[in-house]
Amino acid sequence: MAAKAKKQTGIFALALVLLMIFVVGMRLMGMREKLASAQAEREMLTERVAKARQENRSLEAALDRAEDPEYLQQLAREKLGMVSPGEKDFYDVSRQTAQRTGP
């Protein structure tokens, strides 16, 4: 009888060990998925930071030129469609581009 009890205890212990290995394996797989997701998010955020830094450099360059009258005039023409006094805007409807003529 003692041998039978030892055998049952050994099977129970083996089943318990196998169950624990399975649970740990499942947890590790879950952690691996979370890690992959976190790495993908990190790469995305790194890319966003790089784009933001590039935009900041561009804005800083624009600020450096903000006092330049020629730059301001160029912005007014391109962004706002403004013209200088005495200038006339001509639009070539076949090419959809504007041409300016001065006095």
PDB file of N, CA and C in Angstrom:
ATOM      1  N   MET A   1       0.794  -1.183   0.000  1.00  0.00           N
ATOM      2  CA  MET A   1       0.000   0.000   0.000  1.00  0.00           C
ATOM      3  C   MET A   1       0.850   1.266   0.000  1.00  0.00           C
ATOM      4  N   ALA A   2       1.979   1.209   0.713  1.00  0.00           N
ATOM      5  CA  ALA A   2       2.853   2.375   0.793  1.00  0.00           C
ATOM      6  C   ALA A   2       3.424   2.706  -0.575  1.00  0.00           C
ATOM      7  N   ALA A   3       3.721   1.714  -1.370  1.00  0.00           N
ATOM      8  CA  ALA A   3       4.256   1.950  -2.709  1.00  0.00           C
ATOM      9  C   ALA A   3       3.205   2.616  -3.587  1.00  0.00           C
ATOM     10  N   LYS A   4       1.951   2.198  -3.405  1.00  0.00           N
ATOM     11  CA  LYS A   4       0.862   2.790  -4.188  1.00  0.00           C
ATOM     12  C   LYS A   4       0.666   4.256  -3.801  1.00  0.00           C
ATOM     13  N   ALA A   5       0.763   4.580  -2.536  1.00  0.00           N
ATOM     14  CA  ALA A   5       0.609   5.954  -2.056  1.00  0.00           C
ATOM     15  C   ALA A   5       1.752   6.820  -2.565  1.00  0.00           C
ATOM     16  N   LYS A   6       2.968   6.252  -2.583  1.00  0.00           N
ATOM     17  CA  LYS A   6       4.113   6.994  -3.102  1.00  0.00           C
ATOM     18  C   LYS A   6       3.936   7.274  -4.593  1.00  0.00           C
ATOM     19  N   LYS A   7       3.410   6.298  -5.304  1.00  0.00           N
ATOM     20  CA  LYS A   7       3.210   6.454  -6.741  1.00  0.00           C
ATOM     21  C   LYS A   7       2.169   7.543  -7.014  1.00  0.00           C
ATOM     22  N   GLN A   8       1.085   7.546  -6.233  1.00  0.00           N
ATOM     23  CA  GLN A   8       0.045   8.564  -6.398  1.00  0.00           C
ATOM     24  C   GLN A   8       0.584   9.951  -6.045  1.00  0.00           C
ATOM     25  N   THR A   9       1.404  10.014  -5.000  1.00  0.00           N
ATOM     26  CA  THR A   9       2.003  11.284  -4.603  1.00  0.00           C
ATOM     27  C   THR A   9       2.962  11.759  -5.684  1.00  0.00           C
ATOM     28  N   GLY A  10       3.724  10.865  -6.275  1.00  0.00           N
ATOM     29  CA  GLY A  10       4.650  11.225  -7.347  1.00  0.00           C
ATOM     30  C   GLY A  10       3.912  11.734  -8.580  1.00  0.00           C
ATOM     31  N   ILE A  11       2.790  11.090  -8.941  1.00  0.00           N
ATOM     32  CA  ILE A  11       1.986  11.524 -10.091  1.00  0.00           C
ATOM     33  C   ILE A  11       1.380  12.893  -9.803  1.00  0.00           C
ATOM     34  N   PHE A  12       0.889  13.065  -8.567  1.00  0.00           N
ATOM     35  CA  PHE A  12       0.301  14.353  -8.179  1.00  0.00           C
ATOM     36  C   PHE A  12       1.354  15.464  -8.250  1.00  0.00           C
ATOM     37  N   ALA A  13       2.553  15.179  -7.742  1.00  0.00           N
ATOM     38  CA  ALA A  13       3.631  16.178  -7.755  1.00  0.00           C
ATOM     39  C   ALA A  13       4.034  16.508  -9.191  1.00  0.00           C
ATOM     40  N   LEU A  14       4.114  15.473 -10.039  1.00  0.00           N
ATOM     41  CA  LEU A  14       4.457  15.697 -11.435  1.00  0.00           C
ATOM     42  C   LEU A  14       3.389  16.542 -12.134  1.00  0.00           C
ATOM     43  N   ALA A  15       2.118  16.245 -11.870  1.00  0.00           N
ATOM     44  CA  ALA A  15       1.019  17.017 -12.458  1.00  0.00           C
ATOM     45  C   ALA A  15       1.069  18.461 -11.972  1.00  0.00           C
ATOM     46  N   LEU A  16       1.370  18.649 -10.702  1.00  0.00           N
ATOM     47  CA  LEU A  16       1.457  19.994 -10.141  1.00  0.00           C
ATOM     48  C   LEU A  16       2.615  20.775 -10.775  1.00  0.00           C
ATOM     49  N   VAL A  17       3.747  20.119 -10.947  1.00  0.00           N
ATOM     50  CA  VAL A  17       4.904  20.765 -11.576  1.00  0.00           C
ATOM     51  C   VAL A  17       4.586  21.135 -13.016  1.00  0.00           C
ATOM     52  N   LEU A  18       3.964  20.203 -13.747  1.00  0.00           N
ATOM     53  CA  LEU A  18       3.584  20.478 -15.138  1.00  0.00           C
ATOM     54  C   LEU A  18       2.584  21.630 -15.222  1.00  0.00           C
ATOM     55  N   LEU A  19       1.622  21.668 -14.308  1.00  0.00           N
ATOM     56  CA  LEU A  19       0.648  22.761 -14.278  1.00  0.00           C
ATOM     57  C   LEU A  19       1.346  24.092 -14.006  1.00  0.00           C
ATOM     58  N   MET A  20       2.289  24.082 -13.086  1.00  0.00           N
ATOM     59  CA  MET A  20       3.018  25.313 -12.772  1.00  0.00           C
ATOM     60  C   MET A  20       3.844  25.764 -13.976  1.00  0.00           C
ATOM     61  N   ILE A  21       4.488  24.838 -14.672  1.00  0.00           N
ATOM     62  CA  ILE A  21       5.263  25.185 -15.866  1.00  0.00           C
ATOM     63  C   ILE A  21       4.347  25.775 -16.929  1.00  0.00           C
ATOM     64  N   PHE A  22       3.161  25.185 -17.082  1.00  0.00           N
ATOM     65  CA  PHE A  22       2.198  25.699 -18.062  1.00  0.00           C
ATOM     66  C   PHE A  22       1.757  27.126 -17.710  1.00  0.00           C
ATOM     67  N   VAL A  23       1.433  27.363 -16.446  1.00  0.00           N
ATOM     68  CA  VAL A  23       0.986  28.693 -16.011  1.00  0.00           C
ATOM     69  C   VAL A  23       2.103  29.724 -16.201  1.00  0.00           C
ATOM     70  N   VAL A  24       3.327  29.355 -15.818  1.00  0.00           N
ATOM     71  CA  VAL A  24       4.461  30.271 -15.990  1.00  0.00           C
ATOM     72  C   VAL A  24       4.693  30.552 -17.478  1.00  0.00           C
ATOM     73  N   GLY A  25       4.583  29.506 -18.306  1.00  0.00           N
ATOM     74  CA  GLY A  25       4.743  29.688 -19.756  1.00  0.00           C
ATOM     75  C   GLY A  25       3.695  30.627 -20.324  1.00  0.00           C
ATOM     76  N   MET A  26       2.459  30.472 -19.897  1.00  0.00           N
ATOM     77  CA  MET A  26       1.390  31.356 -20.375  1.00  0.00           C
ATOM     78  C   MET A  26       1.651  32.802 -19.938  1.00  0.00           C
ATOM     79  N   ARG A  27       2.092  32.964 -18.716  1.00  0.00           N
ATOM     80  CA  ARG A  27       2.406  34.319 -18.234  1.00  0.00           C
ATOM     81  C   ARG A  27       3.545  34.938 -19.043  1.00  0.00           C
ATOM     82  N   LEU A  28       4.566  34.136 -19.335  1.00  0.00           N
ATOM     83  CA  LEU A  28       5.688  34.634 -20.115  1.00  0.00           C
ATOM     84  C   LEU A  28       5.244  35.035 -21.519  1.00  0.00           C
ATOM     85  N   MET A  29       4.343  34.277 -22.113  1.00  0.00           N
ATOM     86  CA  MET A  29       3.834  34.628 -23.442  1.00  0.00           C
ATOM     87  C   MET A  29       3.061  35.949 -23.390  1.00  0.00           C
ATOM     88  N   GLY A  30       2.290  36.132 -22.325  1.00  0.00           N
ATOM     89  CA  GLY A  30       1.565  37.394 -22.155  1.00  0.00           C
ATOM     90  C   GLY A  30       2.523  38.565 -21.990  1.00  0.00           C
ATOM     91  N   MET A  31       3.566  38.349 -21.222  1.00  0.00           N
ATOM     92  CA  MET A  31       4.569  39.398 -21.019  1.00  0.00           C
ATOM     93  C   MET A  31       5.283  39.715 -22.326  1.00  0.00           C
ATOM     94  N   ARG A  32       5.536  38.675 -23.126  1.00  0.00           N
ATOM     95  CA  ARG A  32       6.214  38.870 -24.408  1.00  0.00           C
ATOM     96  C   ARG A  32       5.357  39.741 -25.338  1.00  0.00           C
ATOM     97  N   GLU A  33       4.056  39.485 -25.356  1.00  0.00           N
ATOM     98  CA  GLU A  33       3.147  40.296 -26.179  1.00  0.00           C
ATOM     99  C   GLU A  33       3.127  41.741 -25.696  1.00  0.00           C
ATOM    100  N   LYS A  34       3.090  41.933 -24.394  1.00  0.00           N
ATOM    101  CA  LYS A  34       3.103  43.294 -23.850  1.00  0.00           C
ATOM    102  C   LYS A  34       4.401  44.011 -24.203  1.00  0.00           C
ATOM    103  N   LEU A  35       5.512  43.280 -24.141  1.00  0.00           N
ATOM    104  CA  LEU A  35       6.806  43.856 -24.477  1.00  0.00           C
ATOM    105  C   LEU A  35       6.842  44.283 -25.942  1.00  0.00           C
ATOM    106  N   ALA A  36       6.338  43.426 -26.832  1.00  0.00           N
ATOM    107  CA  ALA A  36       6.311  43.758 -28.261  1.00  0.00           C
ATOM    108  C   ALA A  36       5.437  44.988 -28.504  1.00  0.00           C
ATOM    109  N   SER A  37       4.314  45.061 -27.824  1.00  0.00           N
ATOM    110  CA  SER A  37       3.422  46.217 -27.956  1.00  0.00           C
ATOM    111  C   SER A  37       4.102  47.489 -27.446  1.00  0.00           C
ATOM    112  N   ALA A  38       4.782  47.377 -26.327  1.00  0.00           N
ATOM    113  CA  ALA A  38       5.480  48.541 -25.761  1.00  0.00           C
ATOM    114  C   ALA A  38       6.609  48.999 -26.673  1.00  0.00           C
ATOM    115  N   GLN A  39       7.312  48.057 -27.289  1.00  0.00           N
ATOM    116  CA  GLN A  39       8.389  48.428 -28.208  1.00  0.00           C
ATOM    117  C   GLN A  39       7.844  49.122 -29.444  1.00  0.00           C
ATOM    118  N   ALA A  40       6.719  48.646 -29.964  1.00  0.00           N
ATOM    119  CA  ALA A  40       6.094  49.288 -31.126  1.00  0.00           C
ATOM    120  C   ALA A  40       5.645  50.702 -30.772  1.00  0.00           C
ATOM    121  N   GLU A  41       5.075  50.866 -29.591  1.00  0.00           N
ATOM    122  CA  GLU A  41       4.646  52.193 -29.144  1.00  0.00           C
ATOM    123  C   GLU A  41       5.846  53.115 -28.968  1.00  0.00           C
ATOM    124  N   ARG A  42       6.929  52.569 -28.442  1.00  0.00           N
ATOM    125  CA  ARG A  42       8.146  53.371 -28.255  1.00  0.00           C
ATOM    126  C   ARG A  42       8.683  53.865 -29.599  1.00  0.00           C
ATOM    127  N   GLU A  43       8.695  52.991 -30.598  1.00  0.00           N
ATOM    128  CA  GLU A  43       9.159  53.389 -31.926  1.00  0.00           C
ATOM    129  C   GLU A  43       8.271  54.479 -32.516  1.00  0.00           C
ATOM    130  N   MET A  44       6.954  54.336 -32.340  1.00  0.00           N
ATOM    131  CA  MET A  44       6.031  55.340 -32.837  1.00  0.00           C
ATOM    132  C   MET A  44       6.273  56.687 -32.145  1.00  0.00           C
ATOM    133  N   LEU A  45       6.451  56.652 -30.834  1.00  0.00           N
ATOM    134  CA  LEU A  45       6.679  57.883 -30.091  1.00  0.00           C
ATOM    135  C   LEU A  45       8.025  58.507 -30.450  1.00  0.00           C
ATOM    136  N   THR A  46       9.033  57.681 -30.687  1.00  0.00           N
ATOM    137  CA  THR A  46      10.338  58.182 -31.102  1.00  0.00           C
ATOM    138  C   THR A  46      10.222  58.908 -32.433  1.00  0.00           C
ATOM    139  N   GLU A  47       9.436  58.334 -33.327  1.00  0.00           N
ATOM    140  CA  GLU A  47       9.216  58.962 -34.634  1.00  0.00           C
ATOM    141  C   GLU A  47       8.472  60.287 -34.476  1.00  0.00           C
ATOM    142  N   ARG A  48       7.473  60.312 -33.596  1.00  0.00           N
ATOM    143  CA  ARG A  48       6.728  61.556 -33.365  1.00  0.00           C
ATOM    144  C   ARG A  48       7.630  62.637 -32.780  1.00  0.00           C
ATOM    145  N   VAL A  49       8.526  62.243 -31.871  1.00  0.00           N
ATOM    146  CA  VAL A  49       9.459  63.202 -31.278  1.00  0.00           C
ATOM    147  C   VAL A  49      10.385  63.768 -32.350  1.00  0.00           C
ATOM    148  N   ALA A  50      10.874  62.898 -33.241  1.00  0.00           N
ATOM    149  CA  ALA A  50      11.762  63.355 -34.316  1.00  0.00           C
ATOM    150  C   ALA A  50      11.040  64.352 -35.227  1.00  0.00           C
ATOM    151  N   LYS A  51       9.780  64.064 -35.552  1.00  0.00           N
ATOM    152  CA  LYS A  51       8.996  64.982 -36.392  1.00  0.00           C
ATOM    153  C   LYS A  51       8.764  66.306 -35.670  1.00  0.00           C
ATOM    154  N   ALA A  52       8.474  66.240 -34.383  1.00  0.00           N
ATOM    155  CA  ALA A  52       8.243  67.467 -33.608  1.00  0.00           C
ATOM    156  C   ALA A  52       9.517  68.303 -33.534  1.00  0.00           C
ATOM    157  N   ARG A  53      10.651  67.646 -33.379  1.00  0.00           N
ATOM    158  CA  ARG A  53      11.925  68.381 -33.334  1.00  0.00           C
ATOM    159  C   ARG A  53      12.203  69.059 -34.675  1.00  0.00           C
ATOM    160  N   GLN A  54      11.918  68.350 -35.771  1.00  0.00           N
ATOM    161  CA  GLN A  54      12.110  68.935 -37.100  1.00  0.00           C
ATOM    162  C   GLN A  54      11.189  70.143 -37.283  1.00  0.00           C
ATOM    163  N   GLU A  55       9.949  70.009 -36.843  1.00  0.00           N
ATOM    164  CA  GLU A  55       9.010  71.129 -36.942  1.00  0.00           C
ATOM    165  C   GLU A  55       9.485  72.301 -36.087  1.00  0.00           C
ATOM    166  N   ASN A  56      10.014  72.022 -34.905  1.00  0.00           N
ATOM    167  CA  ASN A  56      10.542  73.085 -34.045  1.00  0.00           C
ATOM    168  C   ASN A  56      11.691  73.821 -34.730  1.00  0.00           C
ATOM    169  N   ARG A  57      12.585  73.052 -35.374  1.00  0.00           N
ATOM    170  CA  ARG A  57      13.694  73.703 -36.093  1.00  0.00           C
ATOM    171  C   ARG A  57      13.165  74.591 -37.211  1.00  0.00           C
ATOM    172  N   SER A  58      12.157  74.111 -37.905  1.00  0.00           N
ATOM    173  CA  SER A  58      11.564  74.889 -38.988  1.00  0.00           C
ATOM    174  C   SER A  58      10.916  76.164 -38.446  1.00  0.00           C
ATOM    175  N   LEU A  59      10.218  76.043 -37.339  1.00  0.00           N
ATOM    176  CA  LEU A  59       9.570  77.221 -36.735  1.00  0.00           C
ATOM    177  C   LEU A  59      10.606  78.199 -36.193  1.00  0.00           C
ATOM    178  N   GLU A  60      11.686  77.678 -35.621  1.00  0.00           N
ATOM    179  CA  GLU A  60      12.748  78.563 -35.137  1.00  0.00           C
ATOM    180  C   GLU A  60      13.385  79.324 -36.294  1.00  0.00           C
ATOM    181  N   ALA A  61      13.568  78.650 -37.430  1.00  0.00           N
ATOM    182  CA  ALA A  61      14.122  79.323 -38.612  1.00  0.00           C
ATOM    183  C   ALA A  61      13.163  80.408 -39.098  1.00  0.00           C
ATOM    184  N   ALA A  62      11.871  80.132 -39.058  1.00  0.00           N
ATOM    185  CA  ALA A  62      10.882  81.130 -39.464  1.00  0.00           C
ATOM    186  C   ALA A  62      10.900  82.322 -38.508  1.00  0.00           C
ATOM    187  N   LEU A  63      11.070  82.048 -37.220  1.00  0.00           N
ATOM    188  CA  LEU A  63      11.144  83.145 -36.244  1.00  0.00           C
ATOM    189  C   LEU A  63      12.389  84.002 -36.476  1.00  0.00           C
ATOM    190  N   ASP A  64      13.492  83.355 -36.841  1.00  0.00           N
ATOM    191  CA  ASP A  64      14.714  84.110 -37.104  1.00  0.00           C
ATOM    192  C   ASP A  64      14.534  85.057 -38.287  1.00  0.00           C
ATOM    193  N   ARG A  65      13.671  84.663 -39.244  1.00  0.00           N
ATOM    194  CA  ARG A  65      13.453  85.501 -40.424  1.00  0.00           C
ATOM    195  C   ARG A  65      12.250  86.430 -40.276  1.00  0.00           C
ATOM    196  N   ALA A  66      11.592  86.417 -39.125  1.00  0.00           N
ATOM    197  CA  ALA A  66      10.355  87.174 -38.940  1.00  0.00           C
ATOM    198  C   ALA A  66      10.547  88.681 -39.086  1.00  0.00           C
ATOM    199  N   GLU A  67      11.732  89.175 -38.888  1.00  0.00           N
ATOM    200  CA  GLU A  67      11.988  90.608 -39.007  1.00  0.00           C
ATOM    201  C   GLU A  67      12.413  91.016 -40.417  1.00  0.00           C
ATOM    202  N   ASP A  68      12.622  90.065 -41.296  1.00  0.00           N
ATOM    203  CA  ASP A  68      13.064  90.330 -42.659  1.00  0.00           C
ATOM    204  C   ASP A  68      11.866  90.759 -43.516  1.00  0.00           C
ATOM    205  N   PRO A  69      11.861  92.009 -44.013  1.00  0.00           N
ATOM    206  CA  PRO A  69      10.718  92.496 -44.790  1.00  0.00           C
ATOM    207  C   PRO A  69      10.463  91.682 -46.063  1.00  0.00           C
ATOM    208  N   GLU A  70      11.510  91.213 -46.701  1.00  0.00           N
ATOM    209  CA  GLU A  70      11.320  90.424 -47.917  1.00  0.00           C
ATOM    210  C   GLU A  70      10.634  89.093 -47.600  1.00  0.00           C
ATOM    211  N   TYR A  71      11.016  88.490 -46.500  1.00  0.00           N
ATOM    212  CA  TYR A  71      10.391  87.231 -46.099  1.00  0.00           C
ATOM    213  C   TYR A  71       8.918  87.451 -45.764  1.00  0.00           C
ATOM    214  N   LEU A  72       8.630  88.539 -45.045  1.00  0.00           N
ATOM    215  CA  LEU A  72       7.241  88.841 -44.696  1.00  0.00           C
ATOM    216  C   LEU A  72       6.407  89.104 -45.945  1.00  0.00           C
ATOM    217  N   GLN A  73       6.987  89.801 -46.909  1.00  0.00           N
ATOM    218  CA  GLN A  73       6.282  90.059 -48.156  1.00  0.00           C
ATOM    219  C   GLN A  73       6.023  88.746 -48.909  1.00  0.00           C
ATOM    220  N   GLN A  74       7.002  87.881 -48.925  1.00  0.00           N
ATOM    221  CA  GLN A  74       6.839  86.583 -49.577  1.00  0.00           C
ATOM    222  C   GLN A  74       5.719  85.778 -48.907  1.00  0.00           C
ATOM    223  N   LEU A  75       5.687  85.781 -47.587  1.00  0.00           N
ATOM    224  CA  LEU A  75       4.621  85.078 -46.867  1.00  0.00           C
ATOM    225  C   LEU A  75       3.253  85.654 -47.191  1.00  0.00           C
ATOM    226  N   ALA A  76       3.176  87.000 -47.221  1.00  0.00           N
ATOM    227  CA  ALA A  76       1.902  87.657 -47.516  1.00  0.00           C
ATOM    228  C   ALA A  76       1.425  87.284 -48.916  1.00  0.00           C
ATOM    229  N   ARG A  77       2.325  87.203 -49.856  1.00  0.00           N
ATOM    230  CA  ARG A  77       1.959  86.837 -51.223  1.00  0.00           C
ATOM    231  C   ARG A  77       1.514  85.377 -51.307  1.00  0.00           C
ATOM    232  N   GLU A  78       2.319  84.481 -50.726  1.00  0.00           N
ATOM    233  CA  GLU A  78       2.053  83.053 -50.872  1.00  0.00           C
ATOM    234  C   GLU A  78       0.875  82.572 -50.023  1.00  0.00           C
ATOM    235  N   LYS A  79       0.831  82.995 -48.790  1.00  0.00           N
ATOM    236  CA  LYS A  79      -0.176  82.463 -47.879  1.00  0.00           C
ATOM    237  C   LYS A  79      -1.495  83.238 -47.920  1.00  0.00           C
ATOM    238  N   LEU A  80      -1.401  84.538 -48.110  1.00  0.00           N
ATOM    239  CA  LEU A  80      -2.604  85.369 -48.037  1.00  0.00           C
ATOM    240  C   LEU A  80      -3.062  85.893 -49.389  1.00  0.00           C
ATOM    241  N   GLY A  81      -2.262  85.688 -50.423  1.00  0.00           N
ATOM    242  CA  GLY A  81      -2.640  86.155 -51.760  1.00  0.00           C
ATOM    243  C   GLY A  81      -2.603  87.660 -51.896  1.00  0.00           C
ATOM    244  N   MET A  82      -1.813  88.332 -51.088  1.00  0.00           N
ATOM    245  CA  MET A  82      -1.750  89.795 -51.120  1.00  0.00           C
ATOM    246  C   MET A  82      -0.826  90.259 -52.244  1.00  0.00           C
ATOM    247  N   VAL A  83      -1.046  91.497 -52.676  1.00  0.00           N
ATOM    248  CA  VAL A  83      -0.211  92.118 -53.694  1.00  0.00           C
ATOM    249  C   VAL A  83       0.227  93.479 -53.190  1.00  0.00           C
ATOM    250  N   SER A  84       1.306  93.984 -53.770  1.00  0.00           N
ATOM    251  CA  SER A  84       1.787  95.312 -53.405  1.00  0.00           C
ATOM    252  C   SER A  84       0.925  96.357 -54.108  1.00  0.00           C
ATOM    253  N   PRO A  85       0.903  97.580 -53.590  1.00  0.00           N
ATOM    254  CA  PRO A  85       0.132  98.642 -54.249  1.00  0.00           C
ATOM    255  C   PRO A  85       0.618  98.819 -55.698  1.00  0.00           C
ATOM    256  N   GLY A  86      -0.330  98.903 -56.616  1.00  0.00           N
ATOM    257  CA  GLY A  86      -0.010  99.092 -58.021  1.00  0.00           C
ATOM    258  C   GLY A  86       0.163  97.792 -58.781  1.00  0.00           C
ATOM    259  N   GLU A  87       0.255  96.672 -58.082  1.00  0.00           N
ATOM    260  CA  GLU A  87       0.369  95.382 -58.748  1.00  0.00           C
ATOM    261  C   GLU A  87      -1.015  94.871 -59.116  1.00  0.00           C
ATOM    262  N   LYS A  88      -1.060  94.051 -60.148  1.00  0.00           N
ATOM    263  CA  LYS A  88      -2.311  93.418 -60.538  1.00  0.00           C
ATOM    264  C   LYS A  88      -2.072  91.918 -60.601  1.00  0.00           C
ATOM    265  N   ASP A  89      -3.051  91.170 -60.171  1.00  0.00           N
ATOM    266  CA  ASP A  89      -3.000  89.709 -60.224  1.00  0.00           C
ATOM    267  C   ASP A  89      -3.688  89.226 -61.488  1.00  0.00           C
ATOM    268  N   PHE A  90      -3.008  88.391 -62.232  1.00  0.00           N
ATOM    269  CA  PHE A  90      -3.596  87.752 -63.398  1.00  0.00           C
ATOM    270  C   PHE A  90      -3.558  86.255 -63.172  1.00  0.00           C
ATOM    271  N   TYR A  91      -4.674  85.620 -63.416  1.00  0.00           N
ATOM    272  CA  TYR A  91      -4.753  84.176 -63.245  1.00  0.00           C
ATOM    273  C   TYR A  91      -4.901  83.509 -64.606  1.00  0.00           C
ATOM    274  N   ASP A  92      -4.021  82.581 -64.874  1.00  0.00           N
ATOM    275  CA  ASP A  92      -4.091  81.787 -66.092  1.00  0.00           C
ATOM    276  C   ASP A  92      -4.990  80.595 -65.772  1.00  0.00           C
ATOM    277  N   VAL A  93      -6.238  80.664 -66.215  1.00  0.00           N
ATOM    278  CA  VAL A  93      -7.188  79.619 -65.849  1.00  0.00           C
ATOM    279  C   VAL A  93      -6.836  78.277 -66.468  1.00  0.00           C
ATOM    280  N   SER A  94      -6.079  78.262 -67.549  1.00  0.00           N
ATOM    281  CA  SER A  94      -5.701  76.989 -68.144  1.00  0.00           C
ATOM    282  C   SER A  94      -4.612  76.297 -67.326  1.00  0.00           C
ATOM    283  N   ARG A  95      -3.801  77.065 -66.603  1.00  0.00           N
ATOM    284  CA  ARG A  95      -2.708  76.489 -65.802  1.00  0.00           C
ATOM    285  C   ARG A  95      -2.963  76.646 -64.305  1.00  0.00           C
ATOM    286  N   GLN A  96      -3.963  77.392 -63.916  1.00  0.00           N
ATOM    287  CA  GLN A  96      -4.327  77.605 -62.517  1.00  0.00           C
ATOM    288  C   GLN A  96      -3.176  78.205 -61.705  1.00  0.00           C
ATOM    289  N   THR A  97      -2.415  79.121 -62.331  1.00  0.00           N
ATOM    290  CA  THR A  97      -1.341  79.792 -61.601  1.00  0.00           C
ATOM    291  C   THR A  97      -1.571  81.288 -61.707  1.00  0.00           C
ATOM    292  N   ALA A  98      -1.139  81.994 -60.711  1.00  0.00           N
ATOM    293  CA  ALA A  98      -1.283  83.449 -60.701  1.00  0.00           C
ATOM    294  C   ALA A  98      -0.006  84.090 -61.189  1.00  0.00           C
ATOM    295  N   GLN A  99      -0.150  85.174 -61.935  1.00  0.00           N
ATOM    296  CA  GLN A  99       0.993  85.945 -62.367  1.00  0.00           C
ATOM    297  C   GLN A  99       0.769  87.385 -61.923  1.00  0.00           C
ATOM    298  N   ARG A 100       1.807  88.023 -61.465  1.00  0.00           N
ATOM    299  CA  ARG A 100       1.702  89.405 -60.992  1.00  0.00           C
ATOM    300  C   ARG A 100       2.501  90.297 -61.920  1.00  0.00           C
ATOM    301  N   THR A 101       1.979  91.475 -62.088  1.00  0.00           N
ATOM    302  CA  THR A 101       2.722  92.494 -62.839  1.00  0.00           C
ATOM    303  C   THR A 101       2.827  93.727 -61.982  1.00  0.00           C
ATOM    304  N   GLY A 102       3.943  94.338 -62.038  1.00  0.00           N
ATOM    305  CA  GLY A 102       4.167  95.536 -61.238  1.00  0.00           C
ATOM    306  C   GLY A 102       3.911  96.796 -62.043  1.00  0.00           C
ATOM    307  N   PRO A 103       3.971  97.967 -61.396  1.00  0.00           N
ATOM    308  CA  PRO A 103       3.751  99.233 -62.074  1.00  0.00           C
ATOM    309  C   PRO A 103       4.866  99.565 -63.024  1.00  0.00           C
TER     310      PRO A 103
END
